[in-house]
PDB file of all heavy atoms in Angstrom:
ATOM      1  N   SER A   1      24.786 -60.944  10.260  1.00  0.00           N
ATOM      2  CA  SER A   1      24.566 -60.394   8.899  1.00  0.00           C
ATOM      3  C   SER A   1      25.196 -58.910   8.724  1.00  0.00           C
ATOM      4  O   SER A   1      25.269 -58.452   7.614  1.00  0.00           O
ATOM      5  CB  SER A   1      23.059 -60.214   8.659  1.00  0.00           C
ATOM      6  OG  SER A   1      22.374 -61.453   8.689  1.00  0.00           O
ATOM      7  N   LEU A   2      25.705 -58.369   9.831  1.00  0.00           N
ATOM      8  CA  LEU A   2      26.078 -56.952   9.717  1.00  0.00           C
ATOM      9  C   LEU A   2      27.458 -56.691   9.124  1.00  0.00           C
ATOM     10  O   LEU A   2      28.419 -57.133   9.697  1.00  0.00           O
ATOM     11  CB  LEU A   2      25.902 -56.323  11.176  1.00  0.00           C
ATOM     12  CG  LEU A   2      24.556 -56.335  11.736  1.00  0.00           C
ATOM     13  CD1 LEU A   2      24.569 -55.734  13.118  1.00  0.00           C
ATOM     14  CD2 LEU A   2      23.568 -55.493  10.890  1.00  0.00           C
ATOM     15  N   ALA A   3      27.466 -55.939   8.064  1.00  0.00           N
ATOM     16  CA  ALA A   3      28.745 -55.467   7.529  1.00  0.00           C
ATOM     17  C   ALA A   3      29.107 -54.105   8.131  1.00  0.00           C
ATOM     18  O   ALA A   3      30.332 -53.864   8.221  1.00  0.00           O
ATOM     19  CB  ALA A   3      28.582 -55.242   5.946  1.00  0.00           C
ATOM     20  N   SER A   4      28.228 -53.384   8.619  1.00  0.00           N
ATOM     21  CA  SER A   4      28.503 -52.142   9.349  1.00  0.00           C
ATOM     22  C   SER A   4      27.277 -51.703  10.143  1.00  0.00           C
ATOM     23  O   SER A   4      26.115 -52.124   9.821  1.00  0.00           O
ATOM     24  CB  SER A   4      28.872 -51.024   8.333  1.00  0.00           C
ATOM     25  OG  SER A   4      27.798 -50.487   7.610  1.00  0.00           O
ATOM     26  N   ILE A   5      27.534 -50.876  11.175  1.00  0.00           N
ATOM     27  CA  ILE A   5      26.494 -50.297  11.990  1.00  0.00           C
ATOM     28  C   ILE A   5      26.723 -48.752  12.051  1.00  0.00           C
ATOM     29  O   ILE A   5      27.799 -48.329  12.437  1.00  0.00           O
ATOM     30  CB  ILE A   5      26.487 -50.861  13.444  1.00  0.00           C
ATOM     31  CG1 ILE A   5      26.362 -52.345  13.369  1.00  0.00           C
ATOM     32  CG2 ILE A   5      25.298 -50.287  14.199  1.00  0.00           C
ATOM     33  CD1 ILE A   5      26.520 -53.045  14.729  1.00  0.00           C
ATOM     34  N   THR A   6      25.705 -48.007  11.648  1.00  0.00           N
ATOM     35  CA  THR A   6      25.796 -46.560  11.767  1.00  0.00           C
ATOM     36  C   THR A   6      24.561 -46.129  12.580  1.00  0.00           C
ATOM     37  O   THR A   6      23.470 -46.334  12.272  1.00  0.00           O
ATOM     38  CB  THR A   6      25.755 -45.885  10.324  1.00  0.00           C
ATOM     39  OG1 THR A   6      26.755 -46.523   9.505  1.00  0.00           O
ATOM     40  CG2 THR A   6      26.043 -44.456  10.460  1.00  0.00           C
ATOM     41  N   ALA A   7      24.890 -45.401  13.648  1.00  0.00           N
ATOM     42  CA  ALA A   7      23.805 -44.949  14.597  1.00  0.00           C
ATOM     43  C   ALA A   7      23.475 -43.432  14.281  1.00  0.00           C
ATOM     44  O   ALA A   7      24.346 -42.636  14.040  1.00  0.00           O
ATOM     45  CB  ALA A   7      24.262 -45.023  16.017  1.00  0.00           C
ATOM     46  N   VAL A   8      22.170 -43.136  14.282  1.00  0.00           N
ATOM     47  CA  VAL A   8      21.663 -41.800  13.940  1.00  0.00           C
ATOM     48  C   VAL A   8      20.736 -41.332  15.084  1.00  0.00           C
ATOM     49  O   VAL A   8      20.099 -42.238  15.748  1.00  0.00           O
ATOM     50  CB  VAL A   8      20.943 -41.773  12.628  1.00  0.00           C
ATOM     51  CG1 VAL A   8      21.989 -42.079  11.506  1.00  0.00           C
ATOM     52  CG2 VAL A   8      19.774 -42.687  12.588  1.00  0.00           C
ATOM     53  N   PRO A   9      20.502 -40.145  15.236  1.00  0.00           N
ATOM     54  CA  PRO A   9      19.500 -39.611  16.248  1.00  0.00           C
ATOM     55  C   PRO A   9      18.068 -39.978  15.734  1.00  0.00           C
ATOM     56  O   PRO A   9      17.826 -40.126  14.540  1.00  0.00           O
ATOM     57  CB  PRO A   9      19.690 -38.070  16.186  1.00  0.00           C
ATOM     58  CG  PRO A   9      21.041 -37.880  15.613  1.00  0.00           C
ATOM     59  CD  PRO A   9      21.235 -38.983  14.612  1.00  0.00           C
ATOM     60  N   VAL A  10      17.158 -40.002  16.705  1.00  0.00           N
ATOM     61  CA  VAL A  10      15.725 -40.147  16.415  1.00  0.00           C
ATOM     62  C   VAL A  10      15.153 -38.813  16.608  1.00  0.00           C
ATOM     63  O   VAL A  10      15.138 -38.217  17.708  1.00  0.00           O
ATOM     64  CB  VAL A  10      15.065 -41.159  17.317  1.00  0.00           C
ATOM     65  CG1 VAL A  10      13.583 -41.233  17.018  1.00  0.00           C
ATOM     66  CG2 VAL A  10      15.719 -42.536  17.206  1.00  0.00           C
ATOM     67  N   PRO A  11      14.692 -38.170  15.603  1.00  0.00           N
ATOM     68  CA  PRO A  11      14.225 -36.725  15.644  1.00  0.00           C
ATOM     69  C   PRO A  11      13.141 -36.535  16.753  1.00  0.00           C
ATOM     70  O   PRO A  11      12.202 -37.307  16.755  1.00  0.00           O
ATOM     71  CB  PRO A  11      13.656 -36.427  14.178  1.00  0.00           C
ATOM     72  CG  PRO A  11      14.351 -37.357  13.372  1.00  0.00           C
ATOM     73  CD  PRO A  11      14.610 -38.635  14.156  1.00  0.00           C
ATOM     74  N   GLY A  12      13.430 -35.511  17.558  1.00  0.00           N
ATOM     75  CA  GLY A  12      12.400 -35.208  18.562  1.00  0.00           C
ATOM     76  C   GLY A  12      12.429 -36.062  19.817  1.00  0.00           C
ATOM     77  O   GLY A  12      11.592 -35.919  20.654  1.00  0.00           O
ATOM     78  N   HIS A  13      13.443 -36.930  19.924  1.00  0.00           N
ATOM     79  CA  HIS A  13      13.464 -37.853  21.098  1.00  0.00           C
ATOM     80  C   HIS A  13      14.939 -37.994  21.586  1.00  0.00           C
ATOM     81  O   HIS A  13      15.898 -37.760  20.890  1.00  0.00           O
ATOM     82  CB  HIS A  13      12.985 -39.244  20.678  1.00  0.00           C
ATOM     83  CG  HIS A  13      11.523 -39.279  20.268  1.00  0.00           C
ATOM     84  ND1 HIS A  13      10.516 -39.549  21.203  1.00  0.00           N
ATOM     85  CD2 HIS A  13      10.925 -39.028  19.043  1.00  0.00           C
ATOM     86  CE1 HIS A  13       9.351 -39.485  20.534  1.00  0.00           C
ATOM     87  NE2 HIS A  13       9.591 -39.186  19.274  1.00  0.00           N
ATOM     88  N   ASP A  14      15.031 -38.434  22.853  1.00  0.00           N
ATOM     89  CA  ASP A  14      16.308 -38.832  23.356  1.00  0.00           C
ATOM     90  C   ASP A  14      16.669 -40.205  22.723  1.00  0.00           C
ATOM     91  O   ASP A  14      15.838 -41.092  22.645  1.00  0.00           O
ATOM     92  CB  ASP A  14      16.295 -38.937  24.887  1.00  0.00           C
ATOM     93  CG  ASP A  14      16.096 -37.603  25.592  1.00  0.00           C
ATOM     94  OD1 ASP A  14      16.504 -36.538  25.018  1.00  0.00           O
ATOM     95  OD2 ASP A  14      15.443 -37.549  26.639  1.00  0.00           O
ATOM     96  N   TRP A  15      17.918 -40.398  22.325  1.00  0.00           N
ATOM     97  CA  TRP A  15      18.238 -41.603  21.545  1.00  0.00           C
ATOM     98  C   TRP A  15      19.555 -42.195  22.117  1.00  0.00           C
ATOM     99  O   TRP A  15      20.357 -41.579  22.778  1.00  0.00           O
ATOM    100  CB  TRP A  15      18.369 -41.291  20.080  1.00  0.00           C
ATOM    101  CG  TRP A  15      19.638 -40.463  19.741  1.00  0.00           C
ATOM    102  CD1 TRP A  15      20.835 -40.921  19.441  1.00  0.00           C
ATOM    103  CD2 TRP A  15      19.641 -39.057  19.717  1.00  0.00           C
ATOM    104  NE1 TRP A  15      21.686 -39.932  19.158  1.00  0.00           N
ATOM    105  CE2 TRP A  15      20.982 -38.708  19.345  1.00  0.00           C
ATOM    106  CE3 TRP A  15      18.787 -37.996  19.953  1.00  0.00           C
ATOM    107  CZ2 TRP A  15      21.401 -37.390  19.190  1.00  0.00           C
ATOM    108  CZ3 TRP A  15      19.136 -36.671  19.815  1.00  0.00           C
ATOM    109  CH2 TRP A  15      20.490 -36.422  19.455  1.00  0.00           C
ATOM    110  N   HIS A  16      19.721 -43.449  21.738  1.00  0.00           N
ATOM    111  CA  HIS A  16      20.934 -44.165  22.127  1.00  0.00           C
ATOM    112  C   HIS A  16      22.127 -43.717  21.296  1.00  0.00           C
ATOM    113  O   HIS A  16      21.967 -43.679  20.003  1.00  0.00           O
ATOM    114  CB  HIS A  16      20.791 -45.669  21.940  1.00  0.00           C
ATOM    115  CG  HIS A  16      20.000 -46.399  23.009  1.00  0.00           C
ATOM    116  ND1 HIS A  16      20.510 -46.505  24.270  1.00  0.00           N
ATOM    117  CD2 HIS A  16      18.780 -46.938  23.039  1.00  0.00           C
ATOM    118  CE1 HIS A  16      19.660 -47.177  25.032  1.00  0.00           C
ATOM    119  NE2 HIS A  16      18.617 -47.427  24.342  1.00  0.00           N
ATOM    120  N   PRO A  17      23.310 -43.380  21.885  1.00  0.00           N
ATOM    121  CA  PRO A  17      24.487 -43.022  21.098  1.00  0.00           C
ATOM    122  C   PRO A  17      25.069 -44.248  20.406  1.00  0.00           C
ATOM    123  O   PRO A  17      24.764 -45.442  20.812  1.00  0.00           O
ATOM    124  CB  PRO A  17      25.455 -42.458  22.157  1.00  0.00           C
ATOM    125  CG  PRO A  17      25.015 -43.170  23.466  1.00  0.00           C
ATOM    126  CD  PRO A  17      23.518 -43.313  23.355  1.00  0.00           C
ATOM    127  N   ALA A  18      26.002 -44.026  19.482  1.00  0.00           N
ATOM    128  CA  ALA A  18      26.611 -45.202  18.743  1.00  0.00           C
ATOM    129  C   ALA A  18      27.265 -46.178  19.677  1.00  0.00           C
ATOM    130  O   ALA A  18      27.210 -47.403  19.371  1.00  0.00           O
ATOM    131  CB  ALA A  18      27.631 -44.642  17.758  1.00  0.00           C
ATOM    132  N   SER A  19      27.815 -45.696  20.753  1.00  0.00           N
ATOM    133  CA  SER A  19      28.599 -46.682  21.694  1.00  0.00           C
ATOM    134  C   SER A  19      27.745 -47.737  22.230  1.00  0.00           C
ATOM    135  O   SER A  19      28.230 -48.859  22.573  1.00  0.00           O
ATOM    136  CB  SER A  19      29.179 -45.857  22.855  1.00  0.00           C
ATOM    137  OG  SER A  19      28.194 -45.150  23.570  1.00  0.00           O
ATOM    138  N   THR A  20      26.428 -47.562  22.324  1.00  0.00           N
ATOM    139  CA  THR A  20      25.560 -48.601  22.884  1.00  0.00           C
ATOM    140  C   THR A  20      25.285 -49.705  21.873  1.00  0.00           C
ATOM    141  O   THR A  20      24.719 -50.712  22.284  1.00  0.00           O
ATOM    142  CB  THR A  20      24.215 -47.952  23.342  1.00  0.00           C
ATOM    143  OG1 THR A  20      23.521 -47.409  22.204  1.00  0.00           O
ATOM    144  CG2 THR A  20      24.442 -46.893  24.414  1.00  0.00           C
ATOM    145  N   PHE A  21      25.653 -49.514  20.597  1.00  0.00           N
ATOM    146  CA  PHE A  21      25.403 -50.527  19.615  1.00  0.00           C
ATOM    147  C   PHE A  21      26.639 -51.407  19.305  1.00  0.00           C
ATOM    148  O   PHE A  21      26.640 -52.160  18.402  1.00  0.00           O
ATOM    149  CB  PHE A  21      24.920 -49.900  18.277  1.00  0.00           C
ATOM    150  CG  PHE A  21      23.573 -49.196  18.483  1.00  0.00           C
ATOM    151  CD1 PHE A  21      23.554 -47.756  18.488  1.00  0.00           C
ATOM    152  CD2 PHE A  21      22.374 -49.893  18.620  1.00  0.00           C
ATOM    153  CE1 PHE A  21      22.327 -47.111  18.687  1.00  0.00           C
ATOM    154  CE2 PHE A  21      21.136 -49.203  18.742  1.00  0.00           C
ATOM    155  CZ  PHE A  21      21.137 -47.824  18.834  1.00  0.00           C
ATOM    156  N   GLY A  22      27.686 -51.204  20.190  1.00  0.00           N
ATOM    157  CA  GLY A  22      28.804 -52.100  19.985  1.00  0.00           C
ATOM    158  C   GLY A  22      30.073 -51.269  19.582  1.00  0.00           C
ATOM    159  O   GLY A  22      29.940 -50.140  19.143  1.00  0.00           O
ATOM    160  N   PRO A  23      31.235 -51.796  19.744  1.00  0.00           N
ATOM    161  CA  PRO A  23      32.522 -51.141  19.526  1.00  0.00           C
ATOM    162  C   PRO A  23      32.699 -50.669  18.109  1.00  0.00           C
ATOM    163  O   PRO A  23      33.513 -49.777  17.799  1.00  0.00           O
ATOM    164  CB  PRO A  23      33.566 -52.150  19.992  1.00  0.00           C
ATOM    165  CG  PRO A  23      32.883 -53.444  19.922  1.00  0.00           C
ATOM    166  CD  PRO A  23      31.535 -53.255  20.276  1.00  0.00           C
ATOM    167  N   ASN A  24      32.088 -51.361  17.138  1.00  0.00           N
ATOM    168  CA  ASN A  24      32.261 -51.072  15.720  1.00  0.00           C
ATOM    169  C   ASN A  24      31.307 -50.117  15.185  1.00  0.00           C
ATOM    170  O   ASN A  24      31.318 -49.726  13.993  1.00  0.00           O
ATOM    171  CB  ASN A  24      32.327 -52.314  14.958  1.00  0.00           C
ATOM    172  CG  ASN A  24      33.478 -53.279  15.337  1.00  0.00           C
ATOM    173  OD1 ASN A  24      34.554 -52.852  15.578  1.00  0.00           O
ATOM    174  ND2 ASN A  24      33.221 -54.578  15.302  1.00  0.00           N
ATOM    175  N   ALA A  25      30.295 -49.704  15.987  1.00  0.00           N
ATOM    176  CA  ALA A  25      29.230 -48.771  15.536  1.00  0.00           C
ATOM    177  C   ALA A  25      29.850 -47.372  15.437  1.00  0.00           C
ATOM    178  O   ALA A  25      30.623 -46.988  16.267  1.00  0.00           O
ATOM    179  CB  ALA A  25      28.072 -48.787  16.375  1.00  0.00           C
ATOM    180  N   ARG A  26      29.431 -46.649  14.402  1.00  0.00           N
ATOM    181  CA  ARG A  26      29.880 -45.271  14.258  1.00  0.00           C
ATOM    182  C   ARG A  26      28.724 -44.280  14.191  1.00  0.00           C
ATOM    183  O   ARG A  26      27.584 -44.723  13.833  1.00  0.00           O
ATOM    184  CB  ARG A  26      30.676 -45.244  12.950  1.00  0.00           C
ATOM    185  CG  ARG A  26      29.852 -45.619  11.736  1.00  0.00           C
ATOM    186  CD  ARG A  26      30.641 -45.812  10.497  1.00  0.00           C
ATOM    187  NE  ARG A  26      29.889 -46.240   9.355  1.00  0.00           N
ATOM    188  CZ  ARG A  26      30.337 -46.470   8.158  1.00  0.00           C
ATOM    189  NH1 ARG A  26      31.602 -46.305   7.881  1.00  0.00           N
ATOM    190  NH2 ARG A  26      29.503 -46.864   7.198  1.00  0.00           N
ATOM    191  N   PRO A  27      28.884 -43.099  14.620  1.00  0.00           N
ATOM    192  CA  PRO A  27      27.802 -42.144  14.640  1.00  0.00           C
ATOM    193  C   PRO A  27      27.670 -41.357  13.277  1.00  0.00           C
ATOM    194  O   PRO A  27      28.661 -41.193  12.547  1.00  0.00           O
ATOM    195  CB  PRO A  27      28.158 -41.136  15.765  1.00  0.00           C
ATOM    196  CG  PRO A  27      29.710 -41.122  15.669  1.00  0.00           C
ATOM    197  CD  PRO A  27      30.099 -42.566  15.295  1.00  0.00           C
ATOM    198  N   ALA A  28      26.450 -40.904  13.018  1.00  0.00           N
ATOM    199  CA  ALA A  28      26.147 -39.994  11.921  1.00  0.00           C
ATOM    200  C   ALA A  28      25.197 -38.932  12.387  1.00  0.00           C
ATOM    201  O   ALA A  28      24.424 -39.188  13.298  1.00  0.00           O
ATOM    202  CB  ALA A  28      25.631 -40.720  10.722  1.00  0.00           C
ATOM    203  N   LEU A  29      25.191 -37.796  11.754  1.00  0.00           N
ATOM    204  CA  LEU A  29      24.383 -36.656  12.146  1.00  0.00           C
ATOM    205  C   LEU A  29      22.893 -36.944  11.854  1.00  0.00           C
ATOM    206  O   LEU A  29      21.977 -36.539  12.610  1.00  0.00           O
ATOM    207  CB  LEU A  29      24.801 -35.369  11.469  1.00  0.00           C
ATOM    208  CG  LEU A  29      26.173 -34.769  11.909  1.00  0.00           C
ATOM    209  CD1 LEU A  29      26.500 -33.569  11.002  1.00  0.00           C
ATOM    210  CD2 LEU A  29      26.166 -34.435  13.373  1.00  0.00           C
ATOM    211  N   ASP A  30      22.679 -37.675  10.809  1.00  0.00           N
ATOM    212  CA  ASP A  30      21.298 -37.961  10.349  1.00  0.00           C
ATOM    213  C   ASP A  30      21.347 -39.073   9.340  1.00  0.00           C
ATOM    214  O   ASP A  30      22.392 -39.599   8.999  1.00  0.00           O
ATOM    215  CB  ASP A  30      20.612 -36.711   9.811  1.00  0.00           C
ATOM    216  CG  ASP A  30      21.406 -36.025   8.788  1.00  0.00           C
ATOM    217  OD1 ASP A  30      22.197 -36.738   8.015  1.00  0.00           O
ATOM    218  OD2 ASP A  30      21.266 -34.751   8.593  1.00  0.00           O
ATOM    219  N   VAL A  31      20.112 -39.519   8.822  1.00  0.00           N
ATOM    220  CA  VAL A  31      20.081 -40.554   7.881  1.00  0.00           C
ATOM    221  C   VAL A  31      20.831 -40.294   6.604  1.00  0.00           C
ATOM    222  O   VAL A  31      21.593 -41.094   6.119  1.00  0.00           O
ATOM    223  CB  VAL A  31      18.657 -41.070   7.732  1.00  0.00           C
ATOM    224  CG1 VAL A  31      18.591 -42.189   6.650  1.00  0.00           C
ATOM    225  CG2 VAL A  31      18.038 -41.606   9.035  1.00  0.00           C
ATOM    226  N   PRO A  32      20.566 -39.143   6.022  1.00  0.00           N
ATOM    227  CA  PRO A  32      21.304 -38.808   4.720  1.00  0.00           C
ATOM    228  C   PRO A  32      22.856 -38.956   4.871  1.00  0.00           C
ATOM    229  O   PRO A  32      23.516 -39.430   4.050  1.00  0.00           O
ATOM    230  CB  PRO A  32      20.899 -37.476   4.400  1.00  0.00           C
ATOM    231  CG  PRO A  32      19.499 -37.315   4.928  1.00  0.00           C
ATOM    232  CD  PRO A  32      19.618 -38.078   6.296  1.00  0.00           C
ATOM    233  N   SER A  33      23.327 -38.427   6.039  1.00  0.00           N
ATOM    234  CA  SER A  33      24.787 -38.520   6.337  1.00  0.00           C
ATOM    235  C   SER A  33      25.205 -39.973   6.490  1.00  0.00           C
ATOM    236  O   SER A  33      26.249 -40.348   5.986  1.00  0.00           O
ATOM    237  CB  SER A  33      25.129 -37.742   7.639  1.00  0.00           C
ATOM    238  OG  SER A  33      24.792 -36.418   7.518  1.00  0.00           O
ATOM    239  N   ALA A  34      24.393 -40.757   7.108  1.00  0.00           N
ATOM    240  CA  ALA A  34      24.695 -42.202   7.323  1.00  0.00           C
ATOM    241  C   ALA A  34      24.717 -42.847   5.994  1.00  0.00           C
ATOM    242  O   ALA A  34      25.637 -43.672   5.700  1.00  0.00           O
ATOM    243  CB  ALA A  34      23.686 -42.855   8.200  1.00  0.00           C
ATOM    244  N   MET A  35      23.826 -42.588   5.056  1.00  0.00           N
ATOM    245  CA  MET A  35      23.761 -43.200   3.783  1.00  0.00           C
ATOM    246  C   MET A  35      25.027 -42.836   2.973  1.00  0.00           C
ATOM    247  O   MET A  35      25.621 -43.703   2.287  1.00  0.00           O
ATOM    248  CB  MET A  35      22.546 -42.826   3.000  1.00  0.00           C
ATOM    249  CG  MET A  35      21.240 -43.340   3.644  1.00  0.00           C
ATOM    250  SD  MET A  35      21.052 -45.108   3.474  1.00  0.00           S
ATOM    251  CE  MET A  35      20.869 -45.326   1.714  1.00  0.00           C
ATOM    252  N   ALA A  36      25.479 -41.587   3.073  1.00  0.00           N
ATOM    253  CA  ALA A  36      26.669 -41.144   2.399  1.00  0.00           C
ATOM    254  C   ALA A  36      27.966 -41.797   2.881  1.00  0.00           C
ATOM    255  O   ALA A  36      28.932 -41.912   2.106  1.00  0.00           O
ATOM    256  CB  ALA A  36      26.769 -39.607   2.507  1.00  0.00           C
ATOM    257  N   MET A  37      27.934 -42.220   4.157  1.00  0.00           N
ATOM    258  CA  MET A  37      29.084 -42.868   4.780  1.00  0.00           C
ATOM    259  C   MET A  37      29.247 -44.313   4.356  1.00  0.00           C
ATOM    260  O   MET A  37      30.304 -44.891   4.487  1.00  0.00           O
ATOM    261  CB  MET A  37      29.045 -42.886   6.268  1.00  0.00           C
ATOM    262  CG  MET A  37      29.206 -41.394   6.819  1.00  0.00           C
ATOM    263  SD  MET A  37      28.653 -41.284   8.607  1.00  0.00           S
ATOM    264  CE  MET A  37      29.829 -42.418   9.366  1.00  0.00           C
ATOM    265  N   LEU A  38      28.245 -44.952   3.796  1.00  0.00           N
ATOM    266  CA  LEU A  38      28.276 -46.368   3.475  1.00  0.00           C
ATOM    267  C   LEU A  38      29.124 -46.649   2.225  1.00  0.00           C
ATOM    268  O   LEU A  38      29.130 -45.909   1.289  1.00  0.00           O
ATOM    269  CB  LEU A  38      26.823 -46.926   3.211  1.00  0.00           C
ATOM    270  CG  LEU A  38      25.920 -46.837   4.412  1.00  0.00           C
ATOM    271  CD1 LEU A  38      24.498 -47.395   3.966  1.00  0.00           C
ATOM    272  CD2 LEU A  38      26.431 -47.564   5.603  1.00  0.00           C
ATOM    273  N   SER A  39      29.877 -47.718   2.256  1.00  0.00           N
ATOM    274  CA  SER A  39      30.736 -48.137   1.088  1.00  0.00           C
ATOM    275  C   SER A  39      29.818 -48.546  -0.033  1.00  0.00           C
ATOM    276  O   SER A  39      28.729 -49.031   0.172  1.00  0.00           O
ATOM    277  CB  SER A  39      31.644 -49.225   1.539  1.00  0.00           C
ATOM    278  OG  SER A  39      30.833 -50.416   1.936  1.00  0.00           O
ATOM    279  N   ASP A  40      30.326 -48.297  -1.206  1.00  0.00           N
ATOM    280  CA  ASP A  40      29.564 -48.555  -2.455  1.00  0.00           C
ATOM    281  C   ASP A  40      29.868 -50.111  -2.802  1.00  0.00           C
ATOM    282  O   ASP A  40      30.511 -50.331  -3.859  1.00  0.00           O
ATOM    283  CB  ASP A  40      29.973 -47.641  -3.519  1.00  0.00           C
ATOM    284  CG  ASP A  40      29.142 -47.784  -4.794  1.00  0.00           C
ATOM    285  OD1 ASP A  40      28.061 -48.387  -4.684  1.00  0.00           O
ATOM    286  OD2 ASP A  40      29.596 -47.306  -5.848  1.00  0.00           O
ATOM    287  N   ASP A  41      29.339 -50.984  -2.072  1.00  0.00           N
ATOM    288  CA  ASP A  41      29.698 -52.360  -2.224  1.00  0.00           C
ATOM    289  C   ASP A  41      28.507 -53.224  -2.795  1.00  0.00           C
ATOM    290  O   ASP A  41      28.590 -54.438  -2.879  1.00  0.00           O
ATOM    291  CB  ASP A  41      30.239 -53.011  -0.957  1.00  0.00           C
ATOM    292  CG  ASP A  41      29.256 -52.841   0.264  1.00  0.00           C
ATOM    293  OD1 ASP A  41      28.096 -52.378   0.006  1.00  0.00           O
ATOM    294  OD2 ASP A  41      29.708 -53.068   1.362  1.00  0.00           O
ATOM    295  N   GLY A  42      27.369 -52.548  -2.929  1.00  0.00           N
ATOM    296  CA  GLY A  42      26.267 -53.282  -3.506  1.00  0.00           C
ATOM    297  C   GLY A  42      25.374 -54.013  -2.459  1.00  0.00           C
ATOM    298  O   GLY A  42      24.323 -54.575  -2.753  1.00  0.00           O
ATOM    299  N   LEU A  43      25.829 -54.012  -1.178  1.00  0.00           N
ATOM    300  CA  LEU A  43      25.048 -54.620  -0.128  1.00  0.00           C
ATOM    301  C   LEU A  43      23.791 -53.865   0.217  1.00  0.00           C
ATOM    302  O   LEU A  43      23.812 -52.657   0.128  1.00  0.00           O
ATOM    303  CB  LEU A  43      25.914 -54.842   1.143  1.00  0.00           C
ATOM    304  CG  LEU A  43      27.066 -55.774   1.048  1.00  0.00           C
ATOM    305  CD1 LEU A  43      27.785 -55.822   2.348  1.00  0.00           C
ATOM    306  CD2 LEU A  43      26.570 -57.187   0.671  1.00  0.00           C
ATOM    307  N   PRO A  44      22.719 -54.555   0.528  1.00  0.00           N
ATOM    308  CA  PRO A  44      21.465 -53.849   0.912  1.00  0.00           C
ATOM    309  C   PRO A  44      21.693 -53.061   2.218  1.00  0.00           C
ATOM    310  O   PRO A  44      22.623 -53.405   3.025  1.00  0.00           O
ATOM    311  CB  PRO A  44      20.465 -54.914   1.000  1.00  0.00           C
ATOM    312  CG  PRO A  44      21.196 -56.197   1.318  1.00  0.00           C
ATOM    313  CD  PRO A  44      22.502 -56.028   0.601  1.00  0.00           C
TER     314      PRO A  44
END
């Protein structure tokens, strides 16, 4: 189902980096940054 994967930190915890979610996953600083990176394609 995945059109894209964006990995973000979990506040206050050690978290998995983007590389652990596959070669196409990309990192973002936080959730607002991740949302801003998404294409405007109407997908949920």
